[in-house]
Amino acid sequence: MDNPVASLVLGSDLQVRGANSAWRRLGLVGLGQVKGKSLEELIPGNDFRDAALNVLSSGEPVEGMVIAFGGAGRERYFSAAIRPQYEIGATPAAVVVELAEFECQIVVEGEAGEIVEINPSAAEALGGPAGGFIGKPIRQVDPFGSVRMAESLARASESPRSYYLGRFHVTGEGGKRIELEGALAPLDARTGEG
């Protein structure tokens, strides 16, 4: 699966200095429309802006932020990283924002923890047909039943915001080991409903 990483270079004023072609390939926005825009115009939200400012001041990268683009029923989720970029001196002069789209999506009903929707990419990665996962408790699906993942799922279910689960491995069809990266987003945040 080809999953390009979209990169932006932001100056200390959080204005876009440059971007790679993955922004266009991912259908986010054309390259000519990116340069000179503010971070808030491309990725709204104070959390992301505050994280970028923190990277500029501390020099410490941030990984595993979850960004959603699109409206209800058309949302696309991305894993975001913000890394410092140094020119001259000990303080970062800019930051690089990298976005990689989550290809697999699973919708889980909160109370019972049952899978109510799964896209074909997720079913394939987990080693079965999509219909075989509907109604199944998420904790009965490898790797979500592991102790580490169960603890992460419990913390995530208590969070009103998106929660980054991290990278983990599953064994797919034919014993092929696959690395996945996961995050949970509350359904009300996903649909915009309260």
N, C-alpha and C. Protein backbone atom coordinates (compact mmCIF):
# COMPACT_ATOMS: atom_id res chain seq x y z
N MET A 1 0.84 -1.17 0.00
CA MET A 1 0.00 0.00 0.00
C MET A 1 0.89 1.24 0.00
N ASP A 2 0.66 2.16 -0.91
CA ASP A 2 1.42 3.38 -1.00
C ASP A 2 0.77 4.42 -0.10
N ASN A 3 1.50 4.83 0.92
CA ASN A 3 0.97 5.79 1.87
C ASN A 3 1.96 6.94 1.99
N PRO A 4 1.86 7.95 1.10
CA PRO A 4 2.83 9.05 1.13
C PRO A 4 2.72 9.87 2.41
N VAL A 5 3.83 10.46 2.80
CA VAL A 5 3.87 11.33 3.96
C VAL A 5 3.90 12.77 3.46
N ALA A 6 2.90 13.54 3.84
CA ALA A 6 2.83 14.95 3.47
C ALA A 6 3.66 15.75 4.47
N SER A 7 4.56 16.59 3.98
CA SER A 7 5.42 17.39 4.85
C SER A 7 5.25 18.87 4.57
N LEU A 8 5.24 19.64 5.65
CA LEU A 8 5.21 21.10 5.59
C LEU A 8 6.40 21.62 6.38
N VAL A 9 7.00 22.69 5.91
CA VAL A 9 8.01 23.39 6.70
C VAL A 9 7.38 24.72 7.11
N LEU A 10 7.33 24.93 8.43
CA LEU A 10 6.73 26.14 8.99
C LEU A 10 7.81 26.98 9.66
N GLY A 11 7.81 28.28 9.40
CA GLY A 11 8.74 29.19 10.06
C GLY A 11 8.32 29.42 11.50
N SER A 12 9.10 30.19 12.22
CA SER A 12 8.80 30.46 13.63
C SER A 12 7.48 31.22 13.79
N ASP A 13 6.99 31.85 12.72
CA ASP A 13 5.70 32.52 12.73
C ASP A 13 4.54 31.58 12.37
N LEU A 14 4.86 30.31 12.20
CA LEU A 14 3.92 29.25 11.82
C LEU A 14 3.29 29.48 10.45
N GLN A 15 4.02 30.17 9.58
CA GLN A 15 3.63 30.35 8.18
C GLN A 15 4.36 29.29 7.36
N VAL A 16 3.69 28.74 6.35
CA VAL A 16 4.27 27.68 5.52
C VAL A 16 5.36 28.26 4.63
N ARG A 17 6.56 27.69 4.75
CA ARG A 17 7.69 28.06 3.89
C ARG A 17 7.76 27.14 2.68
N GLY A 18 7.33 25.89 2.86
CA GLY A 18 7.39 24.93 1.77
C GLY A 18 6.61 23.68 2.10
N ALA A 19 6.36 22.86 1.07
CA ALA A 19 5.61 21.62 1.24
C ALA A 19 6.07 20.64 0.17
N ASN A 20 5.89 19.36 0.44
CA ASN A 20 6.22 18.38 -0.58
C ASN A 20 4.97 18.05 -1.41
N SER A 21 5.15 17.29 -2.47
CA SER A 21 4.05 17.00 -3.40
C SER A 21 3.01 16.05 -2.82
N ALA A 22 3.31 15.41 -1.69
CA ALA A 22 2.33 14.49 -1.10
C ALA A 22 1.06 15.21 -0.68
N TRP A 23 1.14 16.50 -0.39
CA TRP A 23 -0.09 17.25 -0.05
C TRP A 23 -1.09 17.16 -1.19
N ARG A 24 -0.61 17.31 -2.41
CA ARG A 24 -1.48 17.22 -3.57
C ARG A 24 -1.92 15.78 -3.80
N ARG A 25 -0.99 14.82 -3.71
CA ARG A 25 -1.33 13.40 -3.94
C ARG A 25 -2.35 12.89 -2.94
N LEU A 26 -2.31 13.40 -1.72
CA LEU A 26 -3.29 12.99 -0.72
C LEU A 26 -4.61 13.74 -0.86
N GLY A 27 -4.65 14.71 -1.77
CA GLY A 27 -5.88 15.45 -2.00
C GLY A 27 -6.19 16.45 -0.91
N LEU A 28 -5.17 16.87 -0.17
CA LEU A 28 -5.42 17.82 0.92
C LEU A 28 -5.55 19.24 0.40
N VAL A 29 -4.57 19.68 -0.40
CA VAL A 29 -4.61 21.01 -0.99
C VAL A 29 -3.46 21.07 -1.99
N GLY A 30 -3.61 21.83 -3.03
CA GLY A 30 -2.56 21.96 -4.03
C GLY A 30 -1.36 22.71 -3.50
N LEU A 31 -0.18 22.40 -4.03
CA LEU A 31 1.05 23.02 -3.55
C LEU A 31 1.03 24.53 -3.64
N GLY A 32 0.52 25.08 -4.72
CA GLY A 32 0.47 26.52 -4.88
C GLY A 32 -0.43 27.19 -3.85
N GLN A 33 -1.35 26.42 -3.28
CA GLN A 33 -2.28 26.97 -2.30
C GLN A 33 -1.76 26.88 -0.88
N VAL A 34 -0.57 26.29 -0.67
CA VAL A 34 -0.06 26.05 0.67
C VAL A 34 0.93 27.12 1.11
N LYS A 35 1.88 27.45 0.26
CA LYS A 35 2.97 28.35 0.65
C LYS A 35 2.43 29.71 1.10
N GLY A 36 2.93 30.16 2.25
CA GLY A 36 2.53 31.45 2.81
C GLY A 36 1.31 31.39 3.71
N LYS A 37 0.59 30.26 3.71
CA LYS A 37 -0.57 30.14 4.60
C LYS A 37 -0.12 29.90 6.03
N SER A 38 -1.00 30.20 6.95
CA SER A 38 -0.71 29.93 8.35
C SER A 38 -1.09 28.49 8.67
N LEU A 39 -0.48 27.96 9.72
CA LEU A 39 -0.79 26.60 10.16
C LEU A 39 -2.28 26.46 10.45
N GLU A 40 -2.88 27.47 11.08
CA GLU A 40 -4.30 27.41 11.44
C GLU A 40 -5.21 27.29 10.23
N GLU A 41 -4.78 27.85 9.09
CA GLU A 41 -5.58 27.75 7.87
C GLU A 41 -5.58 26.33 7.31
N LEU A 42 -4.50 25.59 7.52
CA LEU A 42 -4.39 24.23 6.98
C LEU A 42 -4.83 23.17 7.97
N ILE A 43 -4.46 23.35 9.24
CA ILE A 43 -4.80 22.38 10.28
C ILE A 43 -5.37 23.17 11.46
N PRO A 44 -6.69 23.39 11.46
CA PRO A 44 -7.30 24.18 12.53
C PRO A 44 -7.18 23.47 13.89
N GLY A 45 -7.16 24.25 14.92
CA GLY A 45 -7.16 23.69 16.27
C GLY A 45 -6.00 24.18 17.10
N ASN A 46 -6.32 24.61 18.30
CA ASN A 46 -5.30 25.14 19.20
C ASN A 46 -4.31 24.08 19.66
N ASP A 47 -4.74 22.83 19.81
CA ASP A 47 -3.83 21.79 20.28
C ASP A 47 -2.65 21.63 19.33
N PHE A 48 -2.93 21.60 18.03
CA PHE A 48 -1.86 21.40 17.06
C PHE A 48 -0.96 22.64 17.01
N ARG A 49 -1.56 23.82 17.04
CA ARG A 49 -0.80 25.06 17.05
C ARG A 49 0.10 25.13 18.28
N ASP A 50 -0.47 24.80 19.44
CA ASP A 50 0.30 24.83 20.69
C ASP A 50 1.45 23.82 20.65
N ALA A 51 1.20 22.65 20.06
CA ALA A 51 2.25 21.63 19.95
C ALA A 51 3.39 22.14 19.07
N ALA A 52 3.05 22.80 17.96
CA ALA A 52 4.09 23.35 17.06
C ALA A 52 4.90 24.43 17.78
N LEU A 53 4.23 25.29 18.53
CA LEU A 53 4.94 26.33 19.29
C LEU A 53 5.84 25.71 20.35
N ASN A 54 5.37 24.64 20.97
CA ASN A 54 6.18 23.95 21.98
C ASN A 54 7.44 23.34 21.36
N VAL A 55 7.32 22.77 20.17
CA VAL A 55 8.49 22.21 19.48
C VAL A 55 9.48 23.32 19.15
N LEU A 56 8.96 24.47 18.72
CA LEU A 56 9.84 25.61 18.43
C LEU A 56 10.59 26.08 19.67
N SER A 57 9.93 26.10 20.81
CA SER A 57 10.58 26.60 22.02
C SER A 57 11.45 25.57 22.71
N SER A 58 11.06 24.29 22.67
CA SER A 58 11.80 23.26 23.40
C SER A 58 12.79 22.48 22.54
N GLY A 59 12.52 22.40 21.24
CA GLY A 59 13.35 21.58 20.38
C GLY A 59 13.02 20.10 20.46
N GLU A 60 12.01 19.75 21.26
CA GLU A 60 11.60 18.35 21.42
C GLU A 60 10.50 18.00 20.42
N PRO A 61 10.69 16.94 19.62
CA PRO A 61 9.66 16.58 18.65
C PRO A 61 8.40 16.04 19.33
N VAL A 62 7.29 16.12 18.62
CA VAL A 62 6.01 15.57 19.06
C VAL A 62 5.56 14.57 18.01
N GLU A 63 5.16 13.39 18.43
CA GLU A 63 4.67 12.38 17.50
C GLU A 63 3.34 11.85 17.98
N GLY A 64 2.59 11.25 17.07
CA GLY A 64 1.37 10.56 17.43
C GLY A 64 0.15 11.44 17.64
N MET A 65 0.16 12.65 17.12
CA MET A 65 -1.06 13.46 17.18
C MET A 65 -2.01 12.94 16.10
N VAL A 66 -3.29 13.01 16.34
CA VAL A 66 -4.29 12.55 15.39
C VAL A 66 -5.02 13.77 14.84
N ILE A 67 -5.04 13.88 13.49
CA ILE A 67 -5.69 14.99 12.81
C ILE A 67 -6.78 14.42 11.91
N ALA A 68 -7.96 15.03 11.94
CA ALA A 68 -9.06 14.60 11.07
C ALA A 68 -9.34 15.69 10.05
N PHE A 69 -9.52 15.28 8.80
CA PHE A 69 -9.92 16.18 7.72
C PHE A 69 -11.24 15.65 7.15
N GLY A 70 -12.10 16.56 6.69
CA GLY A 70 -13.36 16.15 6.06
C GLY A 70 -14.50 16.16 7.04
N GLY A 71 -15.71 16.19 6.49
CA GLY A 71 -16.92 16.22 7.31
C GLY A 71 -17.41 14.84 7.66
N ALA A 72 -18.51 14.80 8.39
CA ALA A 72 -19.12 13.55 8.83
C ALA A 72 -19.36 12.62 7.64
N GLY A 73 -18.91 11.39 7.78
CA GLY A 73 -19.08 10.40 6.72
C GLY A 73 -17.99 10.45 5.66
N ARG A 74 -17.18 11.53 5.66
CA ARG A 74 -16.10 11.67 4.69
C ARG A 74 -14.76 11.91 5.39
N GLU A 75 -14.72 11.68 6.70
CA GLU A 75 -13.52 12.00 7.43
C GLU A 75 -12.35 11.08 7.07
N ARG A 76 -11.18 11.68 7.11
CA ARG A 76 -9.93 10.97 6.88
C ARG A 76 -9.03 11.30 8.07
N TYR A 77 -8.38 10.29 8.62
CA TYR A 77 -7.56 10.48 9.80
C TYR A 77 -6.08 10.34 9.46
N PHE A 78 -5.27 11.18 10.08
CA PHE A 78 -3.84 11.21 9.83
C PHE A 78 -3.08 11.18 11.15
N SER A 79 -1.96 10.49 11.14
CA SER A 79 -1.01 10.54 12.24
C SER A 79 -0.06 11.70 11.93
N ALA A 80 0.14 12.58 12.90
CA ALA A 80 0.97 13.76 12.68
C ALA A 80 2.17 13.76 13.60
N ALA A 81 3.28 14.22 13.05
CA ALA A 81 4.50 14.43 13.83
C ALA A 81 4.99 15.85 13.56
N ILE A 82 5.55 16.47 14.57
CA ILE A 82 6.12 17.82 14.43
C ILE A 82 7.55 17.72 14.91
N ARG A 83 8.48 18.07 14.03
CA ARG A 83 9.90 17.95 14.35
C ARG A 83 10.60 19.30 14.20
N PRO A 84 11.59 19.57 15.07
CA PRO A 84 12.31 20.83 14.95
C PRO A 84 13.23 20.83 13.72
N GLN A 85 13.45 21.98 13.15
CA GLN A 85 14.40 22.15 12.06
C GLN A 85 15.34 23.28 12.45
N TYR A 86 16.62 22.97 12.48
CA TYR A 86 17.63 23.93 12.90
C TYR A 86 18.32 24.53 11.69
N GLU A 87 18.65 25.80 11.77
CA GLU A 87 19.44 26.45 10.73
C GLU A 87 20.79 26.81 11.35
N ILE A 88 20.86 27.87 12.10
CA ILE A 88 22.07 28.26 12.82
C ILE A 88 21.65 28.52 14.26
N GLY A 89 22.38 27.94 15.19
CA GLY A 89 22.08 28.18 16.59
C GLY A 89 21.44 26.98 17.26
N ALA A 90 21.18 27.15 18.54
CA ALA A 90 20.66 26.06 19.36
C ALA A 90 19.14 26.01 19.40
N THR A 91 18.48 27.05 18.90
CA THR A 91 17.02 27.10 18.92
C THR A 91 16.47 26.78 17.54
N PRO A 92 15.43 25.95 17.48
CA PRO A 92 14.85 25.64 16.16
C PRO A 92 14.37 26.91 15.45
N ALA A 93 14.67 27.00 14.17
CA ALA A 93 14.23 28.14 13.37
C ALA A 93 12.90 27.85 12.68
N ALA A 94 12.56 26.59 12.61
CA ALA A 94 11.35 26.16 11.91
C ALA A 94 10.94 24.80 12.44
N VAL A 95 9.78 24.35 12.02
CA VAL A 95 9.35 22.98 12.33
C VAL A 95 8.91 22.31 11.03
N VAL A 96 9.05 20.99 11.02
CA VAL A 96 8.56 20.18 9.91
C VAL A 96 7.36 19.41 10.43
N VAL A 97 6.23 19.55 9.76
CA VAL A 97 5.01 18.82 10.11
C VAL A 97 4.87 17.70 9.09
N GLU A 98 4.72 16.46 9.57
CA GLU A 98 4.54 15.30 8.70
C GLU A 98 3.20 14.64 9.00
N LEU A 99 2.43 14.38 7.95
CA LEU A 99 1.13 13.71 8.09
C LEU A 99 1.12 12.44 7.25
N ALA A 100 0.71 11.34 7.86
CA ALA A 100 0.54 10.08 7.15
C ALA A 100 -0.88 9.59 7.41
N GLU A 101 -1.60 9.26 6.36
CA GLU A 101 -3.01 8.87 6.50
C GLU A 101 -3.15 7.47 7.06
N PHE A 102 -4.07 7.32 8.01
CA PHE A 102 -4.43 5.99 8.50
C PHE A 102 -5.28 5.33 7.42
N GLU A 103 -4.83 4.21 6.90
CA GLU A 103 -5.56 3.52 5.84
C GLU A 103 -6.69 2.67 6.38
N CYS A 104 -6.53 2.17 7.58
CA CYS A 104 -7.51 1.26 8.17
C CYS A 104 -8.39 2.00 9.17
N GLN A 105 -9.70 1.75 9.10
CA GLN A 105 -10.61 2.37 10.05
C GLN A 105 -11.59 1.33 10.58
N ILE A 106 -11.76 1.36 11.89
CA ILE A 106 -12.70 0.47 12.57
C ILE A 106 -13.56 1.35 13.47
N VAL A 107 -14.88 1.21 13.39
CA VAL A 107 -15.78 1.95 14.27
C VAL A 107 -16.28 0.95 15.31
N VAL A 108 -16.08 1.33 16.60
CA VAL A 108 -16.42 0.46 17.72
C VAL A 108 -17.47 1.17 18.57
N GLU A 109 -18.54 0.45 18.91
CA GLU A 109 -19.58 0.98 19.80
C GLU A 109 -18.98 1.03 21.20
N GLY A 110 -19.08 2.19 21.84
CA GLY A 110 -18.38 2.45 23.09
C GLY A 110 -18.74 1.57 24.26
N GLU A 111 -20.00 1.39 24.57
CA GLU A 111 -20.40 0.65 25.76
C GLU A 111 -20.01 -0.83 25.69
N ALA A 112 -20.41 -1.49 24.63
CA ALA A 112 -20.16 -2.93 24.50
C ALA A 112 -18.79 -3.21 23.89
N GLY A 113 -18.20 -2.21 23.23
CA GLY A 113 -16.91 -2.41 22.60
C GLY A 113 -16.98 -3.29 21.37
N GLU A 114 -18.17 -3.37 20.74
CA GLU A 114 -18.33 -4.21 19.55
C GLU A 114 -18.05 -3.43 18.28
N ILE A 115 -17.47 -4.11 17.32
CA ILE A 115 -17.17 -3.50 16.03
C ILE A 115 -18.47 -3.34 15.26
N VAL A 116 -18.77 -2.12 14.83
CA VAL A 116 -19.99 -1.86 14.07
C VAL A 116 -19.69 -1.52 12.62
N GLU A 117 -18.42 -1.17 12.33
CA GLU A 117 -18.03 -0.84 10.97
C GLU A 117 -16.53 -1.07 10.84
N ILE A 118 -16.11 -1.61 9.71
CA ILE A 118 -14.69 -1.83 9.45
C ILE A 118 -14.46 -1.67 7.95
N ASN A 119 -13.45 -0.91 7.57
CA ASN A 119 -13.22 -0.75 6.13
C ASN A 119 -12.40 -1.94 5.60
N PRO A 120 -12.42 -2.16 4.29
CA PRO A 120 -11.72 -3.32 3.72
C PRO A 120 -10.23 -3.36 4.05
N SER A 121 -9.56 -2.22 4.11
CA SER A 121 -8.13 -2.21 4.45
C SER A 121 -7.89 -2.75 5.85
N ALA A 122 -8.74 -2.37 6.79
CA ALA A 122 -8.59 -2.84 8.17
C ALA A 122 -8.86 -4.34 8.25
N ALA A 123 -9.90 -4.81 7.58
CA ALA A 123 -10.21 -6.25 7.61
C ALA A 123 -9.06 -7.05 7.01
N GLU A 124 -8.51 -6.56 5.91
CA GLU A 124 -7.39 -7.26 5.27
C GLU A 124 -6.18 -7.29 6.20
N ALA A 125 -5.87 -6.18 6.85
CA ALA A 125 -4.72 -6.12 7.76
C ALA A 125 -4.90 -7.05 8.95
N LEU A 126 -6.15 -7.21 9.41
CA LEU A 126 -6.42 -8.06 10.56
C LEU A 126 -6.66 -9.52 10.17
N GLY A 127 -6.63 -9.81 8.86
CA GLY A 127 -6.64 -11.20 8.40
C GLY A 127 -7.99 -11.85 8.24
N GLY A 128 -9.02 -11.12 7.85
CA GLY A 128 -10.31 -11.75 7.64
C GLY A 128 -11.24 -10.89 6.83
N PRO A 129 -12.42 -11.42 6.48
CA PRO A 129 -13.40 -10.62 5.76
C PRO A 129 -14.07 -9.62 6.69
N ALA A 130 -14.45 -8.47 6.15
CA ALA A 130 -15.06 -7.42 6.96
C ALA A 130 -16.27 -7.93 7.75
N GLY A 131 -17.12 -8.72 7.10
CA GLY A 131 -18.32 -9.23 7.77
C GLY A 131 -18.02 -10.09 8.98
N GLY A 132 -16.87 -10.72 9.01
CA GLY A 132 -16.49 -11.57 10.13
C GLY A 132 -16.15 -10.79 11.40
N PHE A 133 -15.94 -9.50 11.27
CA PHE A 133 -15.58 -8.68 12.42
C PHE A 133 -16.78 -7.93 13.00
N ILE A 134 -17.84 -7.73 12.21
CA ILE A 134 -19.01 -6.97 12.68
C ILE A 134 -19.66 -7.70 13.86
N GLY A 135 -19.89 -6.94 14.95
CA GLY A 135 -20.51 -7.49 16.15
C GLY A 135 -19.53 -8.15 17.10
N LYS A 136 -18.29 -8.29 16.69
CA LYS A 136 -17.28 -8.93 17.54
C LYS A 136 -16.68 -7.88 18.49
N PRO A 137 -16.51 -8.23 19.76
CA PRO A 137 -15.86 -7.30 20.68
C PRO A 137 -14.43 -7.02 20.21
N ILE A 138 -14.05 -5.75 20.23
CA ILE A 138 -12.73 -5.35 19.74
C ILE A 138 -11.61 -6.07 20.50
N ARG A 139 -11.83 -6.38 21.75
CA ARG A 139 -10.77 -7.02 22.55
C ARG A 139 -10.56 -8.49 22.18
N GLN A 140 -11.44 -9.04 21.34
CA GLN A 140 -11.25 -10.41 20.87
C GLN A 140 -10.50 -10.46 19.55
N VAL A 141 -10.11 -9.29 19.05
CA VAL A 141 -9.41 -9.21 17.77
C VAL A 141 -7.93 -8.92 18.04
N ASP A 142 -7.06 -9.78 17.50
CA ASP A 142 -5.62 -9.56 17.64
C ASP A 142 -5.25 -8.32 16.84
N PRO A 143 -4.56 -7.36 17.37
CA PRO A 143 -3.78 -7.30 18.61
C PRO A 143 -4.47 -6.58 19.75
N PHE A 144 -5.76 -6.27 19.60
CA PHE A 144 -6.45 -5.45 20.59
C PHE A 144 -6.70 -6.16 21.91
N GLY A 145 -6.52 -7.48 21.96
CA GLY A 145 -6.72 -8.24 23.19
C GLY A 145 -5.50 -8.29 24.09
N SER A 146 -4.35 -7.82 23.61
CA SER A 146 -3.15 -7.87 24.43
C SER A 146 -3.33 -6.97 25.65
N VAL A 147 -2.60 -7.27 26.72
CA VAL A 147 -2.70 -6.48 27.95
C VAL A 147 -2.36 -5.02 27.67
N ARG A 148 -1.26 -4.79 26.95
CA ARG A 148 -0.84 -3.41 26.66
C ARG A 148 -1.92 -2.67 25.87
N MET A 149 -2.47 -3.34 24.86
CA MET A 149 -3.49 -2.70 24.03
C MET A 149 -4.78 -2.50 24.83
N ALA A 150 -5.15 -3.46 25.66
CA ALA A 150 -6.37 -3.32 26.48
C ALA A 150 -6.26 -2.12 27.40
N GLU A 151 -5.07 -1.91 27.97
CA GLU A 151 -4.86 -0.74 28.84
C GLU A 151 -4.98 0.56 28.03
N SER A 152 -4.41 0.57 26.84
CA SER A 152 -4.51 1.76 25.98
C SER A 152 -5.95 2.02 25.57
N LEU A 153 -6.68 0.96 25.22
CA LEU A 153 -8.09 1.11 24.84
C LEU A 153 -8.91 1.66 26.00
N ALA A 154 -8.63 1.18 27.22
CA ALA A 154 -9.37 1.66 28.39
C ALA A 154 -9.10 3.15 28.61
N ARG A 155 -7.83 3.57 28.51
CA ARG A 155 -7.52 5.00 28.67
C ARG A 155 -8.17 5.81 27.56
N ALA A 156 -8.12 5.29 26.35
CA ALA A 156 -8.68 6.01 25.21
C ALA A 156 -10.19 6.16 25.34
N SER A 157 -10.87 5.14 25.84
CA SER A 157 -12.33 5.20 25.95
C SER A 157 -12.78 6.24 26.96
N GLU A 158 -11.89 6.63 27.88
CA GLU A 158 -12.21 7.64 28.87
C GLU A 158 -11.89 9.05 28.37
N SER A 159 -11.20 9.14 27.25
CA SER A 159 -10.78 10.44 26.73
C SER A 159 -11.83 11.01 25.79
N PRO A 160 -12.17 12.30 25.96
CA PRO A 160 -13.14 12.92 25.04
C PRO A 160 -12.50 13.31 23.71
N ARG A 161 -11.16 13.15 23.60
CA ARG A 161 -10.45 13.54 22.38
C ARG A 161 -9.81 12.32 21.74
N SER A 162 -9.23 12.53 20.60
CA SER A 162 -8.51 11.47 19.92
C SER A 162 -7.35 10.99 20.79
N TYR A 163 -7.04 9.71 20.64
CA TYR A 163 -6.01 9.10 21.48
C TYR A 163 -5.12 8.24 20.59
N TYR A 164 -3.83 8.51 20.62
CA TYR A 164 -2.87 7.77 19.81
C TYR A 164 -2.50 6.48 20.51
N LEU A 165 -2.69 5.34 19.84
CA LEU A 165 -2.38 4.04 20.42
C LEU A 165 -0.93 3.62 20.19
N GLY A 166 -0.30 4.16 19.16
CA GLY A 166 1.09 3.81 18.87
C GLY A 166 1.21 2.82 17.73
N ARG A 167 2.39 2.25 17.60
CA ARG A 167 2.67 1.25 16.57
C ARG A 167 2.65 -0.13 17.20
N PHE A 168 2.11 -1.10 16.48
CA PHE A 168 2.06 -2.47 16.97
C PHE A 168 2.06 -3.42 15.79
N HIS A 169 2.30 -4.69 16.07
CA HIS A 169 2.39 -5.70 15.02
C HIS A 169 1.23 -6.68 15.12
N VAL A 170 0.78 -7.15 13.96
CA VAL A 170 -0.23 -8.21 13.88
C VAL A 170 0.28 -9.23 12.88
N THR A 171 -0.24 -10.43 12.99
CA THR A 171 0.08 -11.47 12.02
C THR A 171 -1.13 -11.63 11.12
N GLY A 172 -0.96 -11.30 9.85
CA GLY A 172 -2.05 -11.36 8.89
C GLY A 172 -2.15 -12.73 8.24
N GLU A 173 -2.89 -12.76 7.14
CA GLU A 173 -3.06 -14.01 6.40
C GLU A 173 -1.72 -14.57 5.98
N GLY A 174 -1.58 -15.91 6.03
CA GLY A 174 -0.36 -16.55 5.61
C GLY A 174 0.80 -16.34 6.56
N GLY A 175 0.54 -15.84 7.77
CA GLY A 175 1.58 -15.64 8.76
C GLY A 175 2.43 -14.40 8.54
N LYS A 176 2.00 -13.53 7.61
CA LYS A 176 2.76 -12.31 7.33
C LYS A 176 2.62 -11.33 8.49
N ARG A 177 3.75 -10.86 9.01
CA ARG A 177 3.76 -9.91 10.12
C ARG A 177 3.65 -8.49 9.55
N ILE A 178 2.68 -7.73 10.08
CA ILE A 178 2.39 -6.40 9.58
C ILE A 178 2.53 -5.40 10.73
N GLU A 179 3.17 -4.25 10.46
CA GLU A 179 3.24 -3.19 11.45
C GLU A 179 2.08 -2.22 11.20
N LEU A 180 1.32 -1.95 12.25
CA LEU A 180 0.21 -1.01 12.16
C LEU A 180 0.46 0.15 13.11
N GLU A 181 -0.16 1.27 12.81
CA GLU A 181 -0.14 2.43 13.69
C GLU A 181 -1.59 2.77 13.95
N GLY A 182 -1.96 2.98 15.20
CA GLY A 182 -3.36 3.16 15.50
C GLY A 182 -3.68 4.34 16.39
N ALA A 183 -4.92 4.77 16.27
CA ALA A 183 -5.45 5.85 17.10
C ALA A 183 -6.94 5.64 17.24
N LEU A 184 -7.50 6.16 18.31
CA LEU A 184 -8.95 6.13 18.51
C LEU A 184 -9.48 7.55 18.49
N ALA A 185 -10.60 7.75 17.83
CA ALA A 185 -11.27 9.04 17.83
C ALA A 185 -12.70 8.80 18.26
N PRO A 186 -13.21 9.56 19.25
CA PRO A 186 -14.59 9.38 19.69
C PRO A 186 -15.56 9.60 18.54
N LEU A 187 -16.63 8.82 18.49
CA LEU A 187 -17.60 8.91 17.41
C LEU A 187 -18.23 10.29 17.35
N ASP A 188 -18.50 10.90 18.51
CA ASP A 188 -19.10 12.24 18.46
C ASP A 188 -18.14 13.23 17.83
N ALA A 189 -16.82 13.06 18.03
CA ALA A 189 -15.86 13.94 17.36
C ALA A 189 -15.79 13.63 15.87
N ARG A 190 -15.96 12.37 15.53
CA ARG A 190 -15.88 11.93 14.13
C ARG A 190 -17.06 12.45 13.33
N THR A 191 -18.24 12.50 13.92
CA THR A 191 -19.43 12.90 13.18
C THR A 191 -19.82 14.35 13.42
N GLY A 192 -19.22 14.94 14.46
CA GLY A 192 -19.60 16.31 14.79
C GLY A 192 -20.87 16.36 15.64
N GLU A 193 -21.40 15.21 16.06
CA GLU A 193 -22.60 15.18 16.88
C GLU A 193 -22.22 15.13 18.35
N GLY A 194 -23.10 15.61 19.21
CA GLY A 194 -22.82 15.64 20.64
C GLY A 194 -23.26 14.45 21.38
